[in-house]
Amino acid sequence: MDTFLLSFIPIFAAMNPFGKIPTFIMLSKGLGKKEKSRVIRDSVITAFLVGIGFIFIGKLVFKILGITTYDFMVAGGILLLVLSINDIIKYIKEIHETDANIGVVPLGIPLITGPAVLATLLMLTDSQGIVSTVVSFIVNISICAFVLIQSEFLTRLIGSKGSLALAKVSNLLLAAIAVMIIRKGIFGIIGR
């Protein structure tokens, strides 16, 4: 149980399923119930396949390219920091107007399974093992799917101001996670 929790909690923090609610609501605005279900299905399947694929072949790809986990942490952390600082509302509106398949990009990747989740999966595979990491990832993906399915109810429950506050706090937490990933990556590179 300890190994599961040590895997589950970091993935949950990196994935931040409740922080996806405002983004999902904005991206799926105007879509019917069937379309929203398709978007959720596409985003969860995409996020799951990328995460599982990364667990099993991520290190091999890094080795071939000469990239270390720490290099990825710095690059992913910087990307995550830039995304969290950007005016996410403007970014979402541009995507909503130009891309009909929002389930794959940006929801599946990078919002559900992005740099923070991928870096976390790699670190946990080393420290907690593949089985614990995969099980924790599957549970977190399931929670994220449930949260997206219930997003309208949860938004009604906390209100539009609560939803906006949640989005802002999520962006702040995302920025903090990004800085933490960058710091760990830099310390890892320096410590080599």
N, C-alpha and C. Protein backbone atom coordinates (compact mmCIF):
# COMPACT_ATOMS: atom_id res chain seq x y z
N MET A 1 0.83 -1.21 0.00
CA MET A 1 0.00 0.00 0.00
C MET A 1 0.86 1.26 0.00
N ASP A 2 1.97 1.23 0.76
CA ASP A 2 2.86 2.39 0.80
C ASP A 2 3.43 2.69 -0.57
N THR A 3 3.86 1.64 -1.29
CA THR A 3 4.42 1.82 -2.63
C THR A 3 3.37 2.42 -3.56
N PHE A 4 2.12 1.95 -3.44
CA PHE A 4 1.05 2.50 -4.27
C PHE A 4 0.86 3.98 -3.97
N LEU A 5 0.77 4.34 -2.70
CA LEU A 5 0.57 5.75 -2.34
C LEU A 5 1.75 6.62 -2.77
N LEU A 6 2.96 6.08 -2.66
CA LEU A 6 4.15 6.83 -3.08
C LEU A 6 4.17 7.03 -4.59
N SER A 7 3.45 6.19 -5.33
CA SER A 7 3.31 6.37 -6.77
C SER A 7 2.08 7.21 -7.10
N PHE A 8 0.97 6.93 -6.40
CA PHE A 8 -0.30 7.58 -6.70
C PHE A 8 -0.26 9.09 -6.47
N ILE A 9 0.24 9.51 -5.32
CA ILE A 9 0.18 10.93 -4.95
C ILE A 9 0.95 11.83 -5.91
N PRO A 10 2.20 11.51 -6.28
CA PRO A 10 2.89 12.39 -7.24
C PRO A 10 2.21 12.44 -8.61
N ILE A 11 1.68 11.30 -9.07
CA ILE A 11 0.98 11.30 -10.36
C ILE A 11 -0.28 12.15 -10.25
N PHE A 12 -1.02 12.01 -9.14
CA PHE A 12 -2.23 12.80 -8.92
C PHE A 12 -1.90 14.30 -8.93
N ALA A 13 -0.83 14.68 -8.24
CA ALA A 13 -0.44 16.09 -8.19
C ALA A 13 -0.04 16.59 -9.57
N ALA A 14 0.71 15.78 -10.32
CA ALA A 14 1.15 16.20 -11.65
C ALA A 14 -0.02 16.25 -12.63
N MET A 15 -0.95 15.29 -12.52
CA MET A 15 -2.09 15.23 -13.44
C MET A 15 -3.13 16.29 -13.09
N ASN A 16 -3.35 16.53 -11.80
CA ASN A 16 -4.28 17.56 -11.32
C ASN A 16 -5.64 17.47 -12.00
N PRO A 17 -6.39 16.36 -11.81
CA PRO A 17 -7.65 16.18 -12.52
C PRO A 17 -8.67 17.29 -12.29
N PHE A 18 -8.76 17.82 -11.07
CA PHE A 18 -9.75 18.87 -10.81
C PHE A 18 -9.38 20.18 -11.49
N GLY A 19 -8.11 20.39 -11.73
CA GLY A 19 -7.66 21.58 -12.45
C GLY A 19 -8.02 21.55 -13.93
N LYS A 20 -8.43 20.39 -14.42
CA LYS A 20 -8.81 20.26 -15.84
C LYS A 20 -10.25 20.71 -16.09
N ILE A 21 -11.03 20.84 -15.02
CA ILE A 21 -12.45 21.17 -15.18
C ILE A 21 -12.66 22.47 -15.96
N PRO A 22 -12.08 23.61 -15.54
CA PRO A 22 -12.34 24.85 -16.28
C PRO A 22 -11.90 24.77 -17.74
N THR A 23 -10.77 24.11 -17.98
CA THR A 23 -10.28 23.97 -19.35
C THR A 23 -11.24 23.13 -20.17
N PHE A 24 -11.67 22.01 -19.62
CA PHE A 24 -12.60 21.14 -20.34
C PHE A 24 -13.92 21.85 -20.62
N ILE A 25 -14.44 22.57 -19.64
CA ILE A 25 -15.70 23.30 -19.81
C ILE A 25 -15.56 24.30 -20.97
N MET A 26 -14.46 25.05 -20.98
CA MET A 26 -14.26 26.04 -22.04
C MET A 26 -14.08 25.38 -23.40
N LEU A 27 -13.29 24.32 -23.45
CA LEU A 27 -13.02 23.67 -24.73
C LEU A 27 -14.24 22.97 -25.29
N SER A 28 -15.09 22.46 -24.42
CA SER A 28 -16.24 21.69 -24.89
C SER A 28 -17.52 22.52 -24.96
N LYS A 29 -17.40 23.81 -24.75
CA LYS A 29 -18.57 24.69 -24.79
C LYS A 29 -19.22 24.58 -26.18
N GLY A 30 -20.52 24.39 -26.18
CA GLY A 30 -21.25 24.29 -27.43
C GLY A 30 -21.32 22.88 -28.00
N LEU A 31 -20.62 21.94 -27.40
CA LEU A 31 -20.68 20.56 -27.87
C LEU A 31 -21.86 19.85 -27.23
N GLY A 32 -22.46 18.92 -27.97
CA GLY A 32 -23.54 18.12 -27.43
C GLY A 32 -23.02 17.04 -26.50
N LYS A 33 -23.95 16.32 -25.88
CA LYS A 33 -23.57 15.29 -24.91
C LYS A 33 -22.71 14.19 -25.56
N LYS A 34 -23.10 13.75 -26.77
CA LYS A 34 -22.33 12.71 -27.46
C LYS A 34 -20.93 13.20 -27.82
N GLU A 35 -20.86 14.45 -28.29
CA GLU A 35 -19.56 15.02 -28.66
C GLU A 35 -18.65 15.14 -27.44
N LYS A 36 -19.23 15.58 -26.31
CA LYS A 36 -18.43 15.68 -25.07
C LYS A 36 -17.93 14.31 -24.64
N SER A 37 -18.80 13.30 -24.74
CA SER A 37 -18.38 11.94 -24.39
C SER A 37 -17.24 11.47 -25.28
N ARG A 38 -17.31 11.79 -26.58
CA ARG A 38 -16.25 11.42 -27.51
C ARG A 38 -14.95 12.13 -27.16
N VAL A 39 -15.05 13.42 -26.81
CA VAL A 39 -13.86 14.19 -26.44
C VAL A 39 -13.22 13.59 -25.18
N ILE A 40 -14.03 13.25 -24.19
CA ILE A 40 -13.50 12.65 -22.96
C ILE A 40 -12.84 11.31 -23.29
N ARG A 41 -13.54 10.48 -24.07
CA ARG A 41 -12.97 9.17 -24.45
C ARG A 41 -11.64 9.34 -25.17
N ASP A 42 -11.61 10.23 -26.17
CA ASP A 42 -10.37 10.45 -26.94
C ASP A 42 -9.24 10.97 -26.06
N SER A 43 -9.57 11.90 -25.16
CA SER A 43 -8.52 12.48 -24.32
C SER A 43 -7.96 11.47 -23.33
N VAL A 44 -8.83 10.66 -22.74
CA VAL A 44 -8.38 9.67 -21.76
C VAL A 44 -7.58 8.56 -22.45
N ILE A 45 -8.05 8.08 -23.60
CA ILE A 45 -7.32 7.04 -24.33
C ILE A 45 -5.96 7.56 -24.77
N THR A 46 -5.91 8.77 -25.30
CA THR A 46 -4.64 9.36 -25.74
C THR A 46 -3.68 9.50 -24.57
N ALA A 47 -4.17 10.07 -23.47
CA ALA A 47 -3.32 10.28 -22.29
C ALA A 47 -2.81 8.94 -21.76
N PHE A 48 -3.69 7.94 -21.73
CA PHE A 48 -3.31 6.62 -21.23
C PHE A 48 -2.24 5.98 -22.11
N LEU A 49 -2.46 5.98 -23.42
CA LEU A 49 -1.50 5.33 -24.33
C LEU A 49 -0.14 6.02 -24.30
N VAL A 50 -0.14 7.34 -24.27
CA VAL A 50 1.13 8.07 -24.21
C VAL A 50 1.85 7.76 -22.90
N GLY A 51 1.13 7.79 -21.79
CA GLY A 51 1.75 7.52 -20.49
C GLY A 51 2.30 6.11 -20.39
N ILE A 52 1.50 5.11 -20.79
CA ILE A 52 1.95 3.72 -20.73
C ILE A 52 3.12 3.51 -21.69
N GLY A 53 3.02 4.06 -22.88
CA GLY A 53 4.13 3.95 -23.84
C GLY A 53 5.40 4.55 -23.29
N PHE A 54 5.25 5.68 -22.63
CA PHE A 54 6.41 6.38 -22.06
C PHE A 54 7.05 5.58 -20.93
N ILE A 55 6.22 4.92 -20.13
CA ILE A 55 6.75 4.08 -19.04
C ILE A 55 7.65 2.99 -19.61
N PHE A 56 7.21 2.37 -20.71
CA PHE A 56 7.93 1.21 -21.23
C PHE A 56 9.04 1.54 -22.22
N ILE A 57 8.90 2.63 -23.00
CA ILE A 57 9.97 2.90 -23.99
C ILE A 57 10.64 4.26 -23.81
N GLY A 58 10.19 5.03 -22.84
CA GLY A 58 10.76 6.37 -22.64
C GLY A 58 12.26 6.36 -22.41
N LYS A 59 12.72 5.48 -21.54
CA LYS A 59 14.16 5.43 -21.24
C LYS A 59 14.97 4.98 -22.44
N LEU A 60 14.43 4.05 -23.23
CA LEU A 60 15.12 3.59 -24.43
C LEU A 60 15.27 4.73 -25.43
N VAL A 61 14.20 5.48 -25.64
CA VAL A 61 14.25 6.64 -26.55
C VAL A 61 15.26 7.66 -26.04
N PHE A 62 15.24 7.92 -24.75
CA PHE A 62 16.20 8.86 -24.16
C PHE A 62 17.63 8.38 -24.39
N LYS A 63 17.85 7.08 -24.19
CA LYS A 63 19.20 6.53 -24.35
C LYS A 63 19.67 6.68 -25.80
N ILE A 64 18.81 6.38 -26.75
CA ILE A 64 19.15 6.50 -28.17
C ILE A 64 19.49 7.95 -28.51
N LEU A 65 18.72 8.88 -27.96
CA LEU A 65 18.93 10.31 -28.25
C LEU A 65 19.98 10.96 -27.36
N GLY A 66 20.47 10.24 -26.37
CA GLY A 66 21.47 10.80 -25.46
C GLY A 66 20.88 11.78 -24.45
N ILE A 67 19.59 11.62 -24.17
CA ILE A 67 18.89 12.50 -23.23
C ILE A 67 18.79 11.80 -21.89
N THR A 68 19.06 12.52 -20.82
CA THR A 68 18.87 11.94 -19.48
C THR A 68 17.50 12.34 -18.95
N THR A 69 17.07 11.66 -17.92
CA THR A 69 15.81 12.01 -17.26
C THR A 69 15.88 13.45 -16.76
N TYR A 70 17.06 13.86 -16.29
CA TYR A 70 17.22 15.22 -15.78
C TYR A 70 17.09 16.25 -16.91
N ASP A 71 17.65 15.94 -18.09
CA ASP A 71 17.49 16.83 -19.24
C ASP A 71 16.00 17.02 -19.55
N PHE A 72 15.27 15.90 -19.54
CA PHE A 72 13.84 15.94 -19.82
C PHE A 72 13.10 16.73 -18.77
N MET A 73 13.52 16.58 -17.52
CA MET A 73 12.87 17.32 -16.44
C MET A 73 13.05 18.83 -16.63
N VAL A 74 14.25 19.25 -17.00
CA VAL A 74 14.50 20.68 -17.21
C VAL A 74 13.67 21.18 -18.39
N ALA A 75 13.73 20.46 -19.52
CA ALA A 75 12.98 20.88 -20.71
C ALA A 75 11.47 20.86 -20.45
N GLY A 76 10.99 19.77 -19.87
CA GLY A 76 9.56 19.67 -19.57
C GLY A 76 9.12 20.70 -18.55
N GLY A 77 9.96 20.95 -17.56
CA GLY A 77 9.64 21.95 -16.54
C GLY A 77 9.54 23.34 -17.13
N ILE A 78 10.48 23.67 -18.02
CA ILE A 78 10.45 24.99 -18.67
C ILE A 78 9.19 25.13 -19.51
N LEU A 79 8.87 24.09 -20.29
CA LEU A 79 7.66 24.12 -21.11
C LEU A 79 6.42 24.27 -20.23
N LEU A 80 6.37 23.52 -19.17
CA LEU A 80 5.24 23.59 -18.25
C LEU A 80 5.12 24.97 -17.61
N LEU A 81 6.25 25.55 -17.24
CA LEU A 81 6.25 26.88 -16.64
C LEU A 81 5.72 27.92 -17.63
N VAL A 82 6.17 27.84 -18.87
CA VAL A 82 5.71 28.78 -19.90
C VAL A 82 4.21 28.63 -20.11
N LEU A 83 3.73 27.39 -20.19
CA LEU A 83 2.30 27.16 -20.38
C LEU A 83 1.48 27.71 -19.21
N SER A 84 2.00 27.53 -18.00
CA SER A 84 1.24 27.99 -16.83
C SER A 84 1.24 29.50 -16.71
N ILE A 85 2.28 30.14 -17.20
CA ILE A 85 2.35 31.59 -17.12
C ILE A 85 1.54 32.26 -18.23
N ASN A 86 1.50 31.60 -19.39
CA ASN A 86 0.75 32.16 -20.53
C ASN A 86 -0.70 32.43 -20.15
N ASP A 87 -1.30 33.29 -20.89
CA ASP A 87 -2.73 33.53 -20.70
C ASP A 87 -3.47 32.33 -21.25
N ILE A 88 -3.76 31.36 -20.39
CA ILE A 88 -4.33 30.09 -20.81
C ILE A 88 -5.70 30.27 -21.46
N ILE A 89 -6.44 31.26 -21.07
CA ILE A 89 -7.77 31.49 -21.65
C ILE A 89 -7.65 31.82 -23.13
N LYS A 90 -6.74 32.70 -23.49
CA LYS A 90 -6.54 33.07 -24.89
C LYS A 90 -6.11 31.84 -25.69
N TYR A 91 -5.20 31.06 -25.14
CA TYR A 91 -4.71 29.84 -25.78
C TYR A 91 -5.85 28.87 -26.05
N ILE A 92 -6.72 28.69 -25.06
CA ILE A 92 -7.84 27.77 -25.21
C ILE A 92 -8.81 28.25 -26.28
N LYS A 93 -9.11 29.56 -26.31
CA LYS A 93 -10.03 30.08 -27.32
C LYS A 93 -9.49 29.86 -28.72
N GLU A 94 -8.18 30.06 -28.92
CA GLU A 94 -7.59 29.85 -30.23
C GLU A 94 -7.72 28.40 -30.65
N ILE A 95 -7.48 27.48 -29.73
CA ILE A 95 -7.58 26.06 -30.05
C ILE A 95 -9.02 25.70 -30.36
N HIS A 96 -9.95 26.21 -29.55
CA HIS A 96 -11.36 25.87 -29.73
C HIS A 96 -11.87 26.31 -31.09
N GLU A 97 -11.38 27.44 -31.58
CA GLU A 97 -11.84 27.95 -32.86
C GLU A 97 -11.22 27.24 -34.05
N THR A 98 -10.06 26.61 -33.89
CA THR A 98 -9.36 26.05 -35.04
C THR A 98 -9.28 24.54 -35.07
N ASP A 99 -9.51 23.83 -33.99
CA ASP A 99 -9.28 22.40 -33.96
C ASP A 99 -10.51 21.67 -33.45
N ALA A 100 -11.06 20.79 -34.29
CA ALA A 100 -12.26 20.07 -33.91
C ALA A 100 -11.96 18.88 -33.00
N ASN A 101 -10.73 18.39 -33.01
CA ASN A 101 -10.40 17.20 -32.23
C ASN A 101 -9.64 17.56 -30.96
N ILE A 102 -10.33 18.23 -30.05
CA ILE A 102 -9.70 18.70 -28.81
C ILE A 102 -9.42 17.58 -27.83
N GLY A 103 -10.00 16.40 -28.05
CA GLY A 103 -9.79 15.28 -27.14
C GLY A 103 -8.35 14.80 -27.13
N VAL A 104 -7.73 14.79 -28.31
CA VAL A 104 -6.34 14.33 -28.41
C VAL A 104 -5.40 15.45 -27.98
N VAL A 105 -5.49 16.59 -28.66
CA VAL A 105 -4.68 17.77 -28.34
C VAL A 105 -5.64 18.94 -28.21
N PRO A 106 -5.68 19.64 -27.13
CA PRO A 106 -4.75 19.71 -26.02
C PRO A 106 -5.14 18.89 -24.79
N LEU A 107 -6.35 18.27 -24.78
CA LEU A 107 -6.77 17.59 -23.55
C LEU A 107 -5.93 16.36 -23.22
N GLY A 108 -5.86 15.41 -24.16
CA GLY A 108 -5.10 14.19 -23.89
C GLY A 108 -3.63 14.49 -23.65
N ILE A 109 -3.07 15.25 -24.58
CA ILE A 109 -1.68 15.72 -24.49
C ILE A 109 -1.71 17.20 -24.80
N PRO A 110 -1.20 18.09 -24.07
CA PRO A 110 -0.38 17.94 -22.88
C PRO A 110 -1.14 18.14 -21.57
N LEU A 111 -2.47 18.38 -21.62
CA LEU A 111 -3.15 18.74 -20.37
C LEU A 111 -3.32 17.58 -19.39
N ILE A 112 -3.68 16.39 -19.88
CA ILE A 112 -3.81 15.26 -18.94
C ILE A 112 -2.45 14.59 -18.76
N THR A 113 -1.85 14.17 -19.85
CA THR A 113 -0.53 13.54 -19.77
C THR A 113 0.46 14.46 -20.48
N GLY A 114 1.06 15.34 -19.70
CA GLY A 114 2.03 16.28 -20.23
C GLY A 114 3.40 16.05 -19.62
N PRO A 115 4.28 17.04 -19.75
CA PRO A 115 5.65 16.89 -19.27
C PRO A 115 5.76 16.51 -17.79
N ALA A 116 4.92 17.10 -16.95
CA ALA A 116 5.00 16.80 -15.51
C ALA A 116 4.65 15.34 -15.25
N VAL A 117 3.58 14.86 -15.88
CA VAL A 117 3.17 13.47 -15.68
C VAL A 117 4.23 12.52 -16.24
N LEU A 118 4.73 12.81 -17.44
CA LEU A 118 5.73 11.93 -18.06
C LEU A 118 7.01 11.87 -17.23
N ALA A 119 7.48 13.01 -16.78
CA ALA A 119 8.69 13.02 -15.93
C ALA A 119 8.43 12.27 -14.63
N THR A 120 7.24 12.46 -14.06
CA THR A 120 6.88 11.76 -12.82
C THR A 120 6.84 10.25 -13.04
N LEU A 121 6.26 9.82 -14.16
CA LEU A 121 6.20 8.39 -14.46
C LEU A 121 7.59 7.78 -14.56
N LEU A 122 8.50 8.48 -15.23
CA LEU A 122 9.87 7.97 -15.34
C LEU A 122 10.54 7.84 -13.98
N MET A 123 10.40 8.88 -13.17
CA MET A 123 11.03 8.86 -11.84
C MET A 123 10.43 7.74 -10.97
N LEU A 124 9.11 7.58 -11.03
CA LEU A 124 8.45 6.57 -10.20
C LEU A 124 8.77 5.15 -10.66
N THR A 125 8.94 4.96 -11.96
CA THR A 125 9.32 3.64 -12.46
C THR A 125 10.63 3.20 -11.82
N ASP A 126 11.56 4.15 -11.68
CA ASP A 126 12.84 3.84 -11.03
C ASP A 126 12.69 3.61 -9.53
N SER A 127 11.95 4.50 -8.87
CA SER A 127 11.90 4.45 -7.40
C SER A 127 10.86 3.48 -6.84
N GLN A 128 9.73 3.29 -7.53
CA GLN A 128 8.64 2.47 -6.98
C GLN A 128 8.36 1.20 -7.78
N GLY A 129 8.93 1.10 -8.96
CA GLY A 129 8.72 -0.08 -9.81
C GLY A 129 7.64 0.14 -10.84
N ILE A 130 7.68 -0.69 -11.87
CA ILE A 130 6.74 -0.55 -13.00
C ILE A 130 5.31 -0.86 -12.58
N VAL A 131 5.10 -1.94 -11.85
CA VAL A 131 3.74 -2.36 -11.50
C VAL A 131 3.02 -1.27 -10.70
N SER A 132 3.65 -0.77 -9.66
CA SER A 132 3.05 0.27 -8.83
C SER A 132 2.78 1.53 -9.64
N THR A 133 3.73 1.89 -10.51
CA THR A 133 3.58 3.09 -11.33
C THR A 133 2.43 2.94 -12.31
N VAL A 134 2.35 1.79 -12.99
CA VAL A 134 1.27 1.55 -13.97
C VAL A 134 -0.09 1.55 -13.27
N VAL A 135 -0.21 0.85 -12.15
CA VAL A 135 -1.48 0.80 -11.42
C VAL A 135 -1.88 2.20 -10.95
N SER A 136 -0.94 2.95 -10.41
CA SER A 136 -1.22 4.31 -9.95
C SER A 136 -1.63 5.21 -11.11
N PHE A 137 -0.98 5.05 -12.25
CA PHE A 137 -1.32 5.84 -13.44
C PHE A 137 -2.73 5.51 -13.91
N ILE A 138 -3.07 4.22 -13.95
CA ILE A 138 -4.42 3.80 -14.38
C ILE A 138 -5.48 4.37 -13.43
N VAL A 139 -5.24 4.31 -12.13
CA VAL A 139 -6.20 4.86 -11.16
C VAL A 139 -6.35 6.36 -11.37
N ASN A 140 -5.24 7.07 -11.59
CA ASN A 140 -5.30 8.51 -11.81
C ASN A 140 -6.02 8.87 -13.12
N ILE A 141 -5.78 8.11 -14.17
CA ILE A 141 -6.49 8.33 -15.44
C ILE A 141 -7.99 8.11 -15.23
N SER A 142 -8.34 7.10 -14.46
CA SER A 142 -9.75 6.82 -14.16
C SER A 142 -10.39 7.97 -13.38
N ILE A 143 -9.67 8.49 -12.41
CA ILE A 143 -10.17 9.64 -11.64
C ILE A 143 -10.35 10.84 -12.57
N CYS A 144 -9.39 11.07 -13.44
CA CYS A 144 -9.47 12.19 -14.37
C CYS A 144 -10.69 12.04 -15.29
N ALA A 145 -10.93 10.82 -15.79
CA ALA A 145 -12.10 10.57 -16.64
C ALA A 145 -13.38 10.86 -15.87
N PHE A 146 -13.47 10.39 -14.64
CA PHE A 146 -14.64 10.63 -13.80
C PHE A 146 -14.87 12.13 -13.59
N VAL A 147 -13.80 12.84 -13.28
CA VAL A 147 -13.89 14.29 -13.05
C VAL A 147 -14.38 14.99 -14.32
N LEU A 148 -13.85 14.61 -15.48
CA LEU A 148 -14.29 15.24 -16.73
C LEU A 148 -15.76 14.92 -17.02
N ILE A 149 -16.16 13.69 -16.78
CA ILE A 149 -17.56 13.30 -16.99
C ILE A 149 -18.48 14.11 -16.07
N GLN A 150 -18.05 14.36 -14.85
CA GLN A 150 -18.85 15.10 -13.86
C GLN A 150 -18.54 16.59 -13.83
N SER A 151 -17.82 17.10 -14.82
CA SER A 151 -17.33 18.49 -14.78
C SER A 151 -18.45 19.52 -14.68
N GLU A 152 -19.55 19.30 -15.40
CA GLU A 152 -20.65 20.27 -15.33
C GLU A 152 -21.26 20.29 -13.93
N PHE A 153 -21.47 19.11 -13.36
CA PHE A 153 -22.01 19.03 -12.00
C PHE A 153 -21.06 19.69 -11.01
N LEU A 154 -19.78 19.39 -11.12
CA LEU A 154 -18.79 19.96 -10.20
C LEU A 154 -18.71 21.48 -10.35
N THR A 155 -18.86 21.97 -11.58
CA THR A 155 -18.85 23.42 -11.81
C THR A 155 -20.09 24.06 -11.19
N ARG A 156 -21.25 23.42 -11.34
CA ARG A 156 -22.46 23.94 -10.69
C ARG A 156 -22.30 23.95 -9.17
N LEU A 157 -21.63 22.93 -8.67
CA LEU A 157 -21.43 22.80 -7.23
C LEU A 157 -20.56 23.93 -6.68
N ILE A 158 -19.48 24.27 -7.38
CA ILE A 158 -18.56 25.31 -6.89
C ILE A 158 -18.81 26.67 -7.52
N GLY A 159 -19.65 26.73 -8.56
CA GLY A 159 -19.98 27.99 -9.20
C GLY A 159 -18.92 28.45 -10.19
N SER A 160 -19.27 29.46 -10.99
CA SER A 160 -18.34 29.94 -12.01
C SER A 160 -17.14 30.65 -11.39
N LYS A 161 -17.39 31.39 -10.29
CA LYS A 161 -16.27 32.05 -9.61
C LYS A 161 -15.34 31.02 -8.97
N GLY A 162 -15.93 30.00 -8.38
CA GLY A 162 -15.13 28.93 -7.80
C GLY A 162 -14.32 28.20 -8.86
N SER A 163 -14.95 28.00 -10.01
CA SER A 163 -14.27 27.35 -11.12
C SER A 163 -13.11 28.19 -11.63
N LEU A 164 -13.33 29.50 -11.73
CA LEU A 164 -12.27 30.41 -12.16
C LEU A 164 -11.13 30.44 -11.13
N ALA A 165 -11.50 30.48 -9.86
CA ALA A 165 -10.48 30.46 -8.80
C ALA A 165 -9.68 29.16 -8.85
N LEU A 166 -10.38 28.05 -9.08
CA LEU A 166 -9.72 26.75 -9.20
C LEU A 166 -8.73 26.75 -10.37
N ALA A 167 -9.13 27.35 -11.48
CA ALA A 167 -8.24 27.42 -12.64
C ALA A 167 -6.99 28.23 -12.32
N LYS A 168 -7.16 29.36 -11.64
CA LYS A 168 -6.01 30.21 -11.30
C LYS A 168 -5.08 29.52 -10.30
N VAL A 169 -5.67 28.88 -9.29
CA VAL A 169 -4.86 28.15 -8.32
C VAL A 169 -4.14 26.99 -9.01
N SER A 170 -4.84 26.32 -9.93
CA SER A 170 -4.21 25.23 -10.67
C SER A 170 -3.02 25.72 -11.49
N ASN A 171 -3.17 26.88 -12.12
CA ASN A 171 -2.05 27.43 -12.88
C ASN A 171 -0.88 27.77 -11.97
N LEU A 172 -1.18 28.28 -10.79
CA LEU A 172 -0.12 28.58 -9.82
C LEU A 172 0.57 27.30 -9.35
N LEU A 173 -0.23 26.27 -9.05
CA LEU A 173 0.35 24.98 -8.65
C LEU A 173 1.17 24.38 -9.79
N LEU A 174 0.66 24.52 -11.01
CA LEU A 174 1.38 24.01 -12.17
C LEU A 174 2.72 24.71 -12.31
N ALA A 175 2.74 26.02 -12.10
CA ALA A 175 4.00 26.77 -12.16
C ALA A 175 4.95 26.30 -11.07
N ALA A 176 4.42 26.05 -9.87
CA ALA A 176 5.27 25.57 -8.78
C ALA A 176 5.82 24.18 -9.07
N ILE A 177 4.98 23.30 -9.63
CA ILE A 177 5.45 21.97 -10.01
C ILE A 177 6.52 22.09 -11.09
N ALA A 178 6.32 23.02 -12.03
CA ALA A 178 7.31 23.23 -13.10
C ALA A 178 8.66 23.65 -12.52
N VAL A 179 8.63 24.59 -11.59
CA VAL A 179 9.87 25.05 -10.96
C VAL A 179 10.54 23.91 -10.20
N MET A 180 9.74 23.10 -9.51
CA MET A 180 10.28 21.95 -8.78
C MET A 180 10.95 20.96 -9.73
N ILE A 181 10.30 20.69 -10.87
CA ILE A 181 10.87 19.77 -11.86
C ILE A 181 12.16 20.33 -12.43
N ILE A 182 12.18 21.63 -12.74
CA ILE A 182 13.39 22.27 -13.26
C ILE A 182 14.51 22.17 -12.22
N ARG A 183 14.18 22.48 -10.97
CA ARG A 183 15.18 22.43 -9.89
C ARG A 183 15.77 21.03 -9.75
N LYS A 184 14.90 20.02 -9.71
CA LYS A 184 15.37 18.64 -9.58
C LYS A 184 16.23 18.25 -10.78
N GLY A 185 15.81 18.68 -11.97
CA GLY A 185 16.59 18.38 -13.16
C GLY A 185 17.96 19.02 -13.13
N ILE A 186 18.02 20.28 -12.73
CA ILE A 186 19.31 20.99 -12.66
C ILE A 186 20.20 20.36 -11.60
N PHE A 187 19.64 20.07 -10.43
CA PHE A 187 20.44 19.43 -9.38
C PHE A 187 20.92 18.05 -9.83
N GLY A 188 20.08 17.35 -10.58
CA GLY A 188 20.48 16.05 -11.10
C GLY A 188 21.62 16.15 -12.10
N ILE A 189 21.56 17.16 -12.97
CA ILE A 189 22.62 17.38 -13.96
C ILE A 189 23.91 17.78 -13.26
N ILE A 190 23.81 18.69 -12.31
CA ILE A 190 24.99 19.17 -11.58
C ILE A 190 25.61 18.04 -10.75
N GLY A 191 24.76 17.19 -10.19
CA GLY A 191 25.23 16.12 -9.33
C GLY A 191 25.91 14.98 -10.05
N ARG A 192 25.82 14.96 -11.39
CA ARG A 192 26.43 13.86 -12.16
C ARG A 192 27.90 13.83 -12.04
